[in-house]
N, C-alpha and C. Protein backbone atom coordinates (compact mmCIF):
# COMPACT_ATOMS: atom_id res chain seq x y z
N MET A 1 261.08 286.78 256.80
CA MET A 1 260.74 285.37 255.82
C MET A 1 259.88 286.28 254.72
N VAL A 2 259.63 287.75 254.84
CA VAL A 2 259.21 288.29 253.40
C VAL A 2 260.52 288.73 252.85
N GLY A 3 261.70 288.92 253.62
CA GLY A 3 263.23 289.67 253.01
C GLY A 3 263.53 287.99 251.94
N ARG A 4 263.41 286.90 252.64
CA ARG A 4 264.05 285.84 252.06
C ARG A 4 263.23 285.40 250.82
N ILE A 5 261.91 285.48 250.73
CA ILE A 5 260.87 285.93 249.41
C ILE A 5 261.40 286.71 248.52
N ARG A 6 261.30 287.83 249.03
CA ARG A 6 261.93 288.79 247.67
C ARG A 6 263.30 288.52 247.37
N SER A 7 264.41 287.86 248.27
CA SER A 7 265.54 287.57 247.90
C SER A 7 265.38 286.15 246.78
N ALA A 8 264.89 285.48 247.19
CA ALA A 8 264.52 284.39 245.89
C ALA A 8 264.35 284.29 245.04
N TRP A 9 262.91 285.47 244.78
CA TRP A 9 262.20 286.16 243.34
C TRP A 9 263.33 286.56 242.78
N GLN A 10 264.04 287.64 243.42
CA GLN A 10 265.13 288.38 243.02
C GLN A 10 266.08 287.34 241.77
N GLY A 11 266.33 286.74 242.83
CA GLY A 11 267.58 285.10 241.88
C GLY A 11 266.63 284.76 240.97
N PHE A 12 265.17 284.53 241.24
CA PHE A 12 264.71 283.92 240.27
C PHE A 12 264.61 284.91 238.89
N GLU A 13 264.43 285.95 239.04
CA GLU A 13 264.06 286.65 237.79
C GLU A 13 265.15 286.76 237.41
N GLU A 14 266.66 286.66 237.69
CA GLU A 14 267.90 286.68 237.40
C GLU A 14 268.21 285.94 236.29
N ARG A 15 267.80 284.62 236.86
CA ARG A 15 268.49 283.19 236.42
C ARG A 15 266.99 283.12 234.98
N ARG A 16 266.01 283.52 234.97
CA ARG A 16 264.84 282.87 234.13
C ARG A 16 263.85 284.05 233.96
N PRO A 17 264.46 285.38 233.32
CA PRO A 17 263.38 286.50 233.28
C PRO A 17 262.17 286.42 232.75
N ALA A 18 262.57 285.50 231.23
CA ALA A 18 260.87 285.06 230.67
C ALA A 18 260.06 284.61 231.74
N VAL A 19 260.56 283.66 232.07
CA VAL A 19 259.57 283.01 232.65
C VAL A 19 258.97 283.98 234.11
N ALA A 20 259.74 284.52 234.77
CA ALA A 20 259.81 285.70 235.78
C ALA A 20 258.41 286.41 235.37
N GLN A 21 258.91 287.31 234.06
CA GLN A 21 257.65 287.96 233.41
C GLN A 21 256.46 287.50 233.16
N LEU A 22 256.50 286.03 232.39
CA LEU A 22 255.29 285.14 232.06
C LEU A 22 254.31 285.02 233.76
N VAL A 23 255.18 284.41 234.98
CA VAL A 23 254.15 284.44 235.97
C VAL A 23 253.66 285.90 236.57
N LEU A 24 254.78 286.75 236.35
CA LEU A 24 254.08 288.20 236.94
C LEU A 24 253.12 288.63 235.77
N PHE A 25 253.00 288.77 234.40
CA PHE A 25 251.93 288.93 233.40
C PHE A 25 250.90 288.15 234.20
N THR A 26 250.78 286.64 234.17
CA THR A 26 249.49 286.06 234.50
C THR A 26 248.95 286.61 236.07
N VAL A 27 249.67 286.60 236.92
CA VAL A 27 249.42 287.10 238.40
C VAL A 27 248.12 288.30 238.19
N ILE A 28 248.96 289.05 237.21
CA ILE A 28 248.33 290.67 237.16
C ILE A 28 247.00 290.40 236.54
N SER A 29 247.30 289.64 235.19
CA SER A 29 245.86 289.59 234.49
C SER A 29 244.79 288.78 234.95
N GLN A 30 245.17 287.75 235.93
CA GLN A 30 243.83 287.38 236.63
C GLN A 30 243.21 288.24 237.76
N GLY A 31 243.92 289.04 238.54
CA GLY A 31 244.11 290.39 239.28
C GLY A 31 242.84 291.33 238.23
N MET A 32 243.39 291.26 237.09
CA MET A 32 242.06 292.39 236.19
C MET A 32 241.02 291.65 236.15
N THR A 33 241.11 290.48 235.78
CA THR A 33 239.82 289.47 235.39
C THR A 33 239.39 289.70 236.44
N VAL A 34 239.78 289.51 237.95
CA VAL A 34 238.34 289.93 239.21
C VAL A 34 238.03 290.84 239.31
N LEU A 35 238.88 292.35 239.09
CA LEU A 35 238.29 293.50 238.86
C LEU A 35 237.02 293.61 237.73
N GLN A 36 237.21 293.06 236.66
CA GLN A 36 236.29 292.83 235.18
C GLN A 36 234.69 292.12 236.07
N LEU A 37 234.90 291.18 236.95
CA LEU A 37 233.83 290.71 237.38
C LEU A 37 233.08 291.17 238.27
N ALA A 38 233.75 292.09 239.25
CA ALA A 38 233.50 293.06 240.24
C ALA A 38 232.77 294.23 239.67
N LEU A 39 232.97 294.59 238.49
CA LEU A 39 233.15 295.95 238.04
C LEU A 39 231.66 295.88 237.18
N MET A 40 231.94 294.55 236.31
CA MET A 40 230.56 294.11 235.33
C MET A 40 229.02 294.04 235.90
N PRO A 41 228.92 293.62 236.58
CA PRO A 41 227.45 293.90 237.31
C PRO A 41 227.01 294.87 237.65
N LEU A 42 228.17 295.64 237.97
CA LEU A 42 227.80 297.01 238.63
C LEU A 42 227.14 297.69 237.45
N PHE A 43 228.32 298.07 236.43
CA PHE A 43 227.73 298.88 235.16
C PHE A 43 226.75 298.30 234.61
N LYS A 44 226.35 296.96 234.39
CA LYS A 44 225.14 296.91 233.71
C LYS A 44 224.28 296.95 234.22
N TRP A 45 223.70 297.06 236.10
CA TRP A 45 222.95 297.34 236.60
C TRP A 45 222.44 298.75 236.31
N LEU A 46 223.52 299.24 236.56
CA LEU A 46 223.86 300.95 236.06
C LEU A 46 223.02 301.40 234.70
N PHE A 47 223.45 300.80 234.02
CA PHE A 47 222.90 300.97 232.69
C PHE A 47 221.76 300.64 232.40
N ASN A 48 221.18 299.31 233.09
CA ASN A 48 219.84 299.12 232.59
C ASN A 48 218.94 300.10 233.09
N GLN A 49 219.20 301.00 233.98
CA GLN A 49 218.25 301.83 234.55
C GLN A 49 218.25 302.80 233.57
N THR A 50 218.58 302.72 232.72
CA THR A 50 218.37 303.92 231.61
C THR A 50 217.58 303.37 230.37
N PRO A 51 217.32 304.15 229.47
CA PRO A 51 216.18 303.71 228.30
C PRO A 51 217.62 303.04 227.57
N LEU A 52 218.92 303.31 227.62
CA LEU A 52 219.54 302.56 226.76
C LEU A 52 219.46 300.90 226.45
N VAL A 53 218.60 300.52 227.37
CA VAL A 53 218.75 299.03 227.40
C VAL A 53 217.61 298.67 226.01
N GLU A 54 217.04 299.59 225.57
CA GLU A 54 215.59 299.72 224.57
C GLU A 54 216.36 300.49 223.27
N ALA A 55 217.92 300.69 223.42
CA ALA A 55 218.19 301.12 222.23
C ALA A 55 219.26 300.26 221.62
N ALA A 56 218.61 299.71 220.37
CA ALA A 56 219.99 298.62 219.21
C ALA A 56 221.15 299.13 219.30
N PHE A 57 222.24 298.56 219.63
CA PHE A 57 223.23 298.51 219.01
C PHE A 57 223.99 297.32 218.07
N GLN A 58 223.87 297.78 216.79
CA GLN A 58 224.01 296.98 215.84
C GLN A 58 224.51 297.22 214.85
N VAL A 59 226.18 297.44 214.55
CA VAL A 59 227.21 298.33 213.66
C VAL A 59 227.89 296.73 212.88
N LEU A 60 228.43 297.30 211.88
CA LEU A 60 229.62 296.84 211.11
C LEU A 60 229.00 295.25 210.54
N PRO A 61 228.08 295.40 209.90
CA PRO A 61 227.79 294.05 208.96
C PRO A 61 228.40 293.74 208.18
N VAL A 62 228.54 291.92 208.40
CA VAL A 62 230.22 291.38 207.95
C VAL A 62 229.91 290.43 207.28
N SER A 63 228.70 289.60 207.64
CA SER A 63 228.07 288.61 206.72
C SER A 63 226.76 288.20 207.03
N THR A 64 226.14 287.09 207.10
CA THR A 64 225.02 286.25 207.24
C THR A 64 224.95 285.13 208.43
N ASN A 65 224.35 285.00 209.19
CA ASN A 65 224.17 284.24 209.81
C ASN A 65 223.46 282.64 209.01
N ALA A 66 223.44 281.59 209.90
CA ALA A 66 222.64 280.61 209.12
C ALA A 66 221.35 280.64 208.78
N ASP A 67 220.39 281.66 209.98
CA ASP A 67 219.30 281.78 209.61
C ASP A 67 218.79 282.69 208.52
N GLY A 68 219.72 283.50 207.88
CA GLY A 68 219.78 284.12 207.04
C GLY A 68 219.91 285.92 207.84
N SER A 69 219.99 285.99 209.01
CA SER A 69 219.76 287.39 209.45
C SER A 69 221.31 287.85 209.47
N THR A 70 221.41 289.10 209.58
CA THR A 70 223.00 289.82 209.21
C THR A 70 223.62 289.93 210.36
N PHE A 71 224.85 289.30 210.42
CA PHE A 71 225.89 289.12 211.88
C PHE A 71 226.66 290.81 211.60
N PHE A 72 226.50 290.85 212.83
CA PHE A 72 227.35 291.84 212.84
C PHE A 72 228.41 292.08 213.76
N VAL A 73 229.32 292.91 213.64
CA VAL A 73 230.78 292.77 214.34
C VAL A 73 230.00 292.96 216.25
N PHE A 74 229.39 293.98 216.23
CA PHE A 74 229.30 294.37 217.28
C PHE A 74 227.39 294.42 217.40
N ASP A 75 227.12 293.55 217.73
CA ASP A 75 225.49 292.87 217.55
C ASP A 75 224.75 293.24 219.23
N TYR A 76 223.85 293.99 219.54
CA TYR A 76 223.31 294.07 221.18
C TYR A 76 221.92 294.97 220.57
N PRO A 77 220.88 293.83 220.25
CA PRO A 77 219.69 293.81 220.00
C PRO A 77 218.98 294.72 220.70
N ALA A 78 218.01 295.89 220.97
CA ALA A 78 217.52 296.20 221.78
C ALA A 78 216.87 295.36 222.79
N GLY A 79 216.72 295.69 223.93
CA GLY A 79 215.82 294.71 225.22
C GLY A 79 216.24 293.84 225.77
N ALA A 80 216.61 293.50 227.23
CA ALA A 80 216.77 292.84 227.91
C ALA A 80 217.15 291.40 227.88
N LEU A 81 218.27 291.13 228.45
CA LEU A 81 218.46 289.52 227.82
C LEU A 81 217.54 288.81 228.73
N PRO A 82 217.68 287.53 228.37
CA PRO A 82 217.89 286.79 227.07
C PRO A 82 216.96 287.21 225.71
N LEU A 83 215.58 287.69 226.11
CA LEU A 83 214.96 288.01 224.78
C LEU A 83 215.69 288.78 223.73
N GLY A 84 216.03 289.80 224.41
CA GLY A 84 217.11 290.92 223.83
C GLY A 84 218.39 290.67 223.77
N GLY A 85 219.67 291.53 223.20
CA GLY A 85 220.52 291.63 223.33
C GLY A 85 221.27 292.84 224.45
N GLY A 86 220.67 293.40 225.16
CA GLY A 86 221.11 294.19 226.31
C GLY A 86 221.28 295.60 225.72
N GLY A 87 221.15 295.60 224.34
CA GLY A 87 221.03 297.19 223.95
C GLY A 87 222.50 297.57 224.18
N LEU A 88 222.15 299.06 223.85
CA LEU A 88 223.42 299.72 224.05
C LEU A 88 223.90 299.80 225.35
N ALA A 89 222.90 299.79 226.05
CA ALA A 89 223.08 299.36 227.73
C ALA A 89 224.56 298.64 228.12
N TYR A 90 224.04 297.34 227.44
CA TYR A 90 224.78 295.99 227.63
C TYR A 90 226.42 296.19 227.25
N PHE A 91 226.53 297.25 225.83
CA PHE A 91 227.29 297.46 225.32
C PHE A 91 228.26 298.24 226.06
N LEU A 92 227.90 299.31 226.20
CA LEU A 92 228.65 300.64 226.91
C LEU A 92 229.37 299.61 228.68
N ALA A 93 228.31 299.36 228.96
CA ALA A 93 228.80 298.33 230.46
C ALA A 93 230.32 297.38 230.16
N VAL A 94 230.12 296.80 228.99
CA VAL A 94 230.94 295.62 228.31
C VAL A 94 232.27 296.45 228.77
N GLN A 95 232.05 297.51 227.51
CA GLN A 95 233.05 298.46 227.20
C GLN A 95 233.93 299.11 228.11
N LEU A 96 233.38 299.49 229.12
CA LEU A 96 233.44 300.42 230.18
C LEU A 96 234.43 299.64 231.38
N THR A 97 234.01 298.66 231.38
CA THR A 97 234.45 297.55 232.51
C THR A 97 235.74 297.43 231.90
N LEU A 98 236.04 296.80 230.54
CA LEU A 98 236.92 296.72 229.71
C LEU A 98 238.04 297.93 229.71
N LEU A 99 237.57 298.88 229.57
CA LEU A 99 238.56 299.90 229.36
C LEU A 99 239.30 300.41 230.78
N ILE A 100 238.48 300.25 232.14
CA ILE A 100 238.93 300.49 232.97
C ILE A 100 240.44 299.90 233.35
N ALA A 101 239.98 298.16 233.44
CA ALA A 101 240.44 296.87 233.44
C ALA A 101 242.25 297.33 232.80
N GLN A 102 241.90 297.61 231.71
CA GLN A 102 242.94 297.49 230.47
C GLN A 102 244.11 299.15 231.09
N VAL A 103 243.43 300.07 231.31
CA VAL A 103 244.17 301.45 231.45
C VAL A 103 245.39 300.72 232.99
N ILE A 104 244.23 299.92 233.72
CA ILE A 104 244.90 299.58 235.07
C ILE A 104 246.04 298.88 234.90
N ASN A 105 245.56 297.99 234.19
CA ASN A 105 246.48 296.74 233.42
C ASN A 105 248.19 297.23 232.70
N PHE A 106 247.61 298.32 232.33
CA PHE A 106 249.07 298.73 230.86
C PHE A 106 249.83 299.21 231.90
N PHE A 107 249.56 299.96 233.16
CA PHE A 107 250.65 300.42 234.20
C PHE A 107 251.18 299.45 234.68
N LEU A 108 250.31 298.42 235.48
CA LEU A 108 250.89 297.47 236.12
C LEU A 108 251.75 296.44 235.29
N GLN A 109 251.40 296.36 233.97
CA GLN A 109 252.27 294.94 233.32
C GLN A 109 253.48 295.69 233.25
N ARG A 110 253.31 297.32 232.94
CA ARG A 110 254.54 298.09 232.06
C ARG A 110 255.53 298.31 233.26
N ASN A 111 255.27 298.70 234.29
CA ASN A 111 256.07 299.22 235.49
C ASN A 111 256.27 297.73 236.56
N VAL A 112 255.63 296.55 236.31
CA VAL A 112 256.12 295.62 237.12
C VAL A 112 256.39 294.21 236.46
N ALA A 113 255.67 293.63 235.85
CA ALA A 113 256.31 292.64 235.17
C ALA A 113 257.09 292.43 234.11
N PHE A 114 257.08 294.08 233.61
CA PHE A 114 258.27 294.01 232.14
C PHE A 114 259.16 295.28 232.57
N LYS A 115 258.89 295.65 233.65
CA LYS A 115 260.04 296.55 234.19
C LYS A 115 260.33 297.70 232.98
N SER A 116 259.60 298.20 232.11
CA SER A 116 259.92 298.77 230.80
C SER A 116 260.25 299.89 231.25
N ASN A 117 261.32 300.61 230.14
CA ASN A 117 262.09 302.09 230.57
C ASN A 117 261.72 302.86 229.19
N SER A 118 261.28 301.80 228.39
CA SER A 118 260.62 302.90 226.87
C SER A 118 259.93 304.03 227.41
N ASP A 119 259.83 304.78 226.09
CA ASP A 119 259.07 305.77 226.02
C ASP A 119 257.58 305.41 226.13
N PRO A 120 256.83 305.97 227.04
CA PRO A 120 255.68 305.28 227.48
C PRO A 120 254.68 305.73 226.99
N ARG A 121 255.12 306.87 226.12
CA ARG A 121 253.62 307.71 225.18
C ARG A 121 253.44 306.29 223.92
N VAL A 122 254.80 306.23 223.43
CA VAL A 122 254.75 305.05 222.43
C VAL A 122 254.40 303.99 222.74
N ALA A 123 254.91 303.08 223.93
CA ALA A 123 253.92 301.86 224.46
C ALA A 123 252.36 302.42 224.71
N ALA A 124 252.10 303.56 224.87
CA ALA A 124 250.75 303.88 224.96
C ALA A 124 250.08 303.94 223.80
N ALA A 125 250.31 303.98 222.95
CA ALA A 125 250.21 303.87 221.36
C ALA A 125 249.93 302.74 220.89
N TRP A 126 250.90 302.29 220.93
CA TRP A 126 251.14 300.63 220.52
C TRP A 126 249.71 299.78 221.40
N TYR A 127 249.75 299.80 222.44
CA TYR A 127 248.94 299.33 223.46
C TYR A 127 247.66 299.86 223.02
N ALA A 128 246.93 300.92 222.89
CA ALA A 128 245.84 301.71 222.45
C ALA A 128 245.34 300.76 221.27
N VAL A 129 246.51 300.54 219.84
CA VAL A 129 246.01 299.75 218.69
C VAL A 129 246.05 298.27 219.01
N ALA A 130 246.49 297.55 220.07
CA ALA A 130 246.33 296.10 220.79
C ALA A 130 245.02 296.38 220.85
N TYR A 131 244.62 297.03 221.83
CA TYR A 131 243.08 296.90 222.32
C TYR A 131 242.04 296.97 221.49
N VAL A 132 242.53 298.08 220.53
CA VAL A 132 241.05 298.23 219.51
C VAL A 132 241.06 296.98 218.82
N VAL A 133 242.06 296.18 218.45
CA VAL A 133 242.01 294.65 217.74
C VAL A 133 241.43 293.71 218.12
N ILE A 134 241.94 293.61 219.23
CA ILE A 134 241.33 292.75 220.61
C ILE A 134 240.23 292.93 220.79
N THR A 135 239.57 294.10 220.55
CA THR A 135 237.79 294.24 221.18
C THR A 135 237.33 293.75 219.53
N PHE A 136 237.50 294.05 218.75
CA PHE A 136 236.92 293.73 217.18
C PHE A 136 236.98 292.33 217.15
N LEU A 137 238.51 291.78 217.43
CA LEU A 137 238.19 289.82 217.81
C LEU A 137 237.05 289.65 218.63
N ALA A 138 237.04 290.28 219.74
CA ALA A 138 236.61 289.18 221.36
C ALA A 138 235.17 289.64 220.52
N ALA A 139 234.39 290.55 219.86
CA ALA A 139 233.28 291.04 219.35
C ALA A 139 232.55 290.12 218.47
N CYS A 140 233.82 289.98 217.40
CA CYS A 140 233.52 289.01 216.34
C CYS A 140 233.31 287.76 217.08
N LEU A 141 234.03 287.06 217.72
CA LEU A 141 234.04 285.75 218.66
C LEU A 141 232.52 285.74 219.46
N GLN A 142 232.08 287.14 220.12
CA GLN A 142 230.89 287.18 220.90
C GLN A 142 229.87 286.64 220.03
N GLY A 143 229.86 287.29 218.68
CA GLY A 143 228.46 286.87 218.42
C GLY A 143 228.14 285.47 218.00
N PHE A 144 228.88 284.60 218.38
CA PHE A 144 228.99 282.98 218.11
C PHE A 144 228.40 282.60 219.51
N TYR A 145 228.88 283.19 220.28
CA TYR A 145 228.53 282.08 221.62
C TYR A 145 227.88 283.01 222.95
N LYS A 146 227.36 284.21 222.60
CA LYS A 146 226.80 285.13 223.52
C LYS A 146 225.42 284.91 224.43
N ASP A 147 224.99 284.91 222.60
CA ASP A 147 223.47 284.41 222.74
C ASP A 147 222.80 283.33 223.20
N PRO A 148 223.63 281.93 222.82
CA PRO A 148 223.50 280.76 223.50
C PRO A 148 223.66 280.37 225.13
N ILE A 149 224.85 281.15 225.31
CA ILE A 149 225.27 281.10 226.97
C ILE A 149 224.59 281.55 227.30
N TYR A 150 223.80 283.08 227.70
CA TYR A 150 222.81 283.55 228.24
C TYR A 150 221.25 282.95 228.30
N GLN A 151 220.90 282.48 226.76
CA GLN A 151 219.74 281.58 226.76
C GLN A 151 219.52 280.65 227.72
N TRP A 152 220.51 280.13 227.17
CA TRP A 152 220.92 278.17 228.21
C TRP A 152 221.02 278.43 229.68
N MET A 153 221.46 279.31 229.97
CA MET A 153 221.85 279.83 231.35
C MET A 153 220.79 280.43 232.42
N ILE A 154 220.05 281.36 231.84
CA ILE A 154 218.82 281.85 232.12
C ILE A 154 217.83 281.30 232.05
N GLU A 155 217.66 280.34 230.92
CA GLU A 155 215.92 279.76 231.20
C GLU A 155 216.32 278.36 232.17
N ARG A 156 217.50 278.06 232.73
CA ARG A 156 217.93 277.43 233.87
C ARG A 156 218.07 277.76 235.24
N TRP A 157 218.62 278.76 235.31
CA TRP A 157 218.23 279.23 236.45
C TRP A 157 217.93 281.08 236.97
N GLY A 158 217.29 281.56 235.51
CA GLY A 158 217.04 282.91 235.64
C GLY A 158 218.07 283.98 235.90
N GLY A 159 217.58 284.81 237.23
CA GLY A 159 218.65 285.82 237.45
C GLY A 159 220.07 285.37 237.80
N THR A 160 220.27 284.21 238.51
CA THR A 160 221.25 283.74 238.69
C THR A 160 221.98 283.33 237.12
N GLY A 161 221.38 282.67 236.51
CA GLY A 161 221.99 282.11 235.37
C GLY A 161 222.36 283.29 234.40
N GLU A 162 221.85 284.47 234.50
CA GLU A 162 222.24 285.89 233.83
C GLU A 162 223.65 286.41 234.44
N THR A 163 223.76 286.18 236.14
CA THR A 163 225.41 286.50 236.39
C THR A 163 226.22 285.40 236.16
N ALA A 164 225.81 284.41 236.01
CA ALA A 164 226.64 283.02 235.39
C ALA A 164 227.22 283.60 233.77
N ALA A 165 226.14 283.93 233.30
CA ALA A 165 226.54 284.17 232.19
C ALA A 165 227.55 285.41 231.69
N ASP A 166 227.24 286.38 232.55
CA ASP A 166 228.09 287.70 232.79
C ASP A 166 229.63 286.98 233.21
N VAL A 167 229.72 286.64 233.82
CA VAL A 167 230.82 285.76 234.55
C VAL A 167 231.45 284.80 233.38
N VAL A 168 230.60 284.18 232.79
CA VAL A 168 231.50 283.19 231.27
C VAL A 168 232.20 284.11 230.68
N THR A 169 230.96 284.80 229.77
CA THR A 169 231.65 285.74 229.21
C THR A 169 232.72 286.69 229.09
N MET A 170 232.81 287.12 230.50
CA MET A 170 233.94 287.81 230.87
C MET A 170 235.40 286.92 230.96
N LEU A 171 235.16 285.62 231.36
CA LEU A 171 236.47 284.93 231.15
C LEU A 171 236.85 284.27 230.06
N ILE A 172 235.75 284.50 229.21
CA ILE A 172 236.35 284.22 227.91
C ILE A 172 237.18 285.21 226.99
N ASN A 173 236.30 286.83 227.16
CA ASN A 173 237.12 287.78 227.17
C ASN A 173 238.59 288.02 227.42
N ALA A 174 238.61 287.42 228.83
CA ALA A 174 240.25 287.43 229.33
C ALA A 174 240.71 286.40 229.03
N LEU A 175 240.33 285.28 228.64
CA LEU A 175 240.99 284.22 228.00
C LEU A 175 241.80 285.04 227.12
N ILE A 176 240.64 285.51 225.65
CA ILE A 176 241.40 286.05 224.92
C ILE A 176 242.65 286.96 224.86
N SER A 177 242.26 288.07 225.87
CA SER A 177 243.50 289.34 226.42
C SER A 177 244.36 288.18 226.48
N TYR A 178 244.55 287.42 227.15
CA TYR A 178 245.77 286.95 228.08
C TYR A 178 246.13 285.88 226.72
N CYS A 179 245.74 285.46 225.95
CA CYS A 179 247.10 284.69 224.69
C CYS A 179 247.31 285.83 224.07
N VAL A 180 246.53 287.03 223.42
CA VAL A 180 247.07 287.88 222.20
C VAL A 180 248.05 288.72 223.30
N PHE A 181 247.98 289.08 224.73
CA PHE A 181 248.66 290.19 224.71
C PHE A 181 249.84 289.96 225.15
N PHE A 182 250.16 289.24 225.68
CA PHE A 182 252.06 288.80 226.25
C PHE A 182 252.52 289.01 225.17
N PRO A 183 252.37 288.01 224.04
CA PRO A 183 253.91 288.79 222.96
C PRO A 183 253.79 290.09 222.44
N ILE A 184 252.60 290.58 222.70
CA ILE A 184 252.65 291.96 222.37
C ILE A 184 253.30 293.03 223.49
N PHE A 185 253.18 292.27 224.40
CA PHE A 185 253.94 293.33 225.79
C PHE A 185 255.50 292.91 225.29
N LYS A 186 255.78 292.12 224.69
CA LYS A 186 256.98 291.74 224.74
C LYS A 186 257.40 292.43 224.14
N ILE A 187 256.90 293.07 223.08
CA ILE A 187 257.53 294.11 221.94
C ILE A 187 257.67 295.37 222.44
N ILE A 188 256.34 295.77 222.75
CA ILE A 188 255.91 297.01 223.47
C ILE A 188 256.68 297.72 224.72
N PHE A 189 257.02 296.65 225.70
CA PHE A 189 257.45 297.01 226.70
C PHE A 189 258.81 296.46 226.70
N LYS A 190 260.13 297.32 226.34
CA LYS A 190 261.04 296.82 225.96
C LYS A 190 261.81 297.58 227.55
N LYS A 191 262.98 296.85 227.23
CA LYS A 191 264.07 297.61 228.48
C LYS A 191 265.31 298.23 227.68
N VAL A 192 265.25 299.66 227.44
CA VAL A 192 265.99 300.54 226.64
C VAL A 192 267.50 300.26 227.53
N PRO A 193 268.65 300.07 227.37
CA PRO A 193 269.92 300.43 227.59
C PRO A 193 270.10 301.49 228.59
N GLU A 194 270.65 302.05 229.34
CA GLU A 194 270.80 302.87 230.11
C GLU A 194 271.91 303.55 229.51
N PRO A 195 271.84 304.64 229.64
CA PRO A 195 273.59 305.36 228.43
C PRO A 195 274.52 305.12 229.59
N ALA A 196 275.34 305.32 229.24
CA ALA A 196 276.69 304.85 230.39
C ALA A 196 277.17 306.02 231.00
N ALA A 197 277.34 306.23 232.11
CA ALA A 197 277.74 307.40 232.56
C ALA A 197 279.27 307.58 232.98
N GLU A 198 279.00 309.44 232.24
CA GLU A 198 280.50 309.53 231.70
C GLU A 198 281.21 309.45 233.21
N PRO A 199 282.30 309.75 232.85
CA PRO A 199 283.32 309.37 233.97
C PRO A 199 283.57 310.90 234.66
N THR A 200 283.67 311.12 236.18
CA THR A 200 283.94 312.23 236.80
C THR A 200 285.46 312.67 236.53
N PRO A 201 285.64 313.75 235.78
CA PRO A 201 286.83 314.29 235.67
C PRO A 201 287.72 314.81 237.08
N GLU A 202 289.22 313.84 237.29
CA GLU A 202 289.52 313.94 238.67
C GLU A 202 289.93 315.41 238.71
N PRO A 203 289.91 315.61 240.40
CA PRO A 203 290.48 317.41 240.20
C PRO A 203 292.10 317.22 239.77
N ALA A 204 292.27 318.78 239.53
CA ALA A 204 293.80 318.75 238.64
C ALA A 204 294.39 318.86 240.28
N ALA A 205 295.62 318.25 240.06
CA ALA A 205 296.19 318.41 241.35
C ALA A 205 297.56 319.58 241.66
N SER A 206 297.04 319.62 243.15
CA SER A 206 297.27 321.11 243.29
C SER A 206 299.01 321.18 243.44
N ARG A 207 299.43 322.39 243.21
CA ARG A 207 300.68 322.38 243.38
C ARG A 207 301.54 323.49 244.86
């Protein structure tokens, strides 16, 4: 059974390589989302045991909110959610979760989904650039939806609502990464043609 499935998949990869890459990319991405959902509550709980939850992390002011307050790209006011923004504790929990998932994702996508044989250092450098850009993009978008989601869910379901809000925000971040990373991977995870093997010289005929 396993052999037949493997043979059928190999045939599918040969006929539809781009679709096969998308399928594997999706499966791996979903796995990374599950990993993030498992890690985020753990790191959040750990950092919430420290004074970092009372340390505000509000950097890169770029605009003004409708109520006149400053809009920060990274906006984590001091204090536990929902009255506060989670402070530096929440920021570190999010970023550490994403970092671990993205490092694992890099190797799985490169070696399994795209089967790239290009220079891993160049691919890693471009991946890091893409990760930073997406982090800033996700942070800007989070400024619009994070507080309303946490307030709405916690007001209705308390601690369970906070956990549910963690899940929702992680899923939104995962969706952003999913939509952006696939075309980037198509560029940075290339297959370089293998150099043609030099013909082996035939031994000289004996006299």
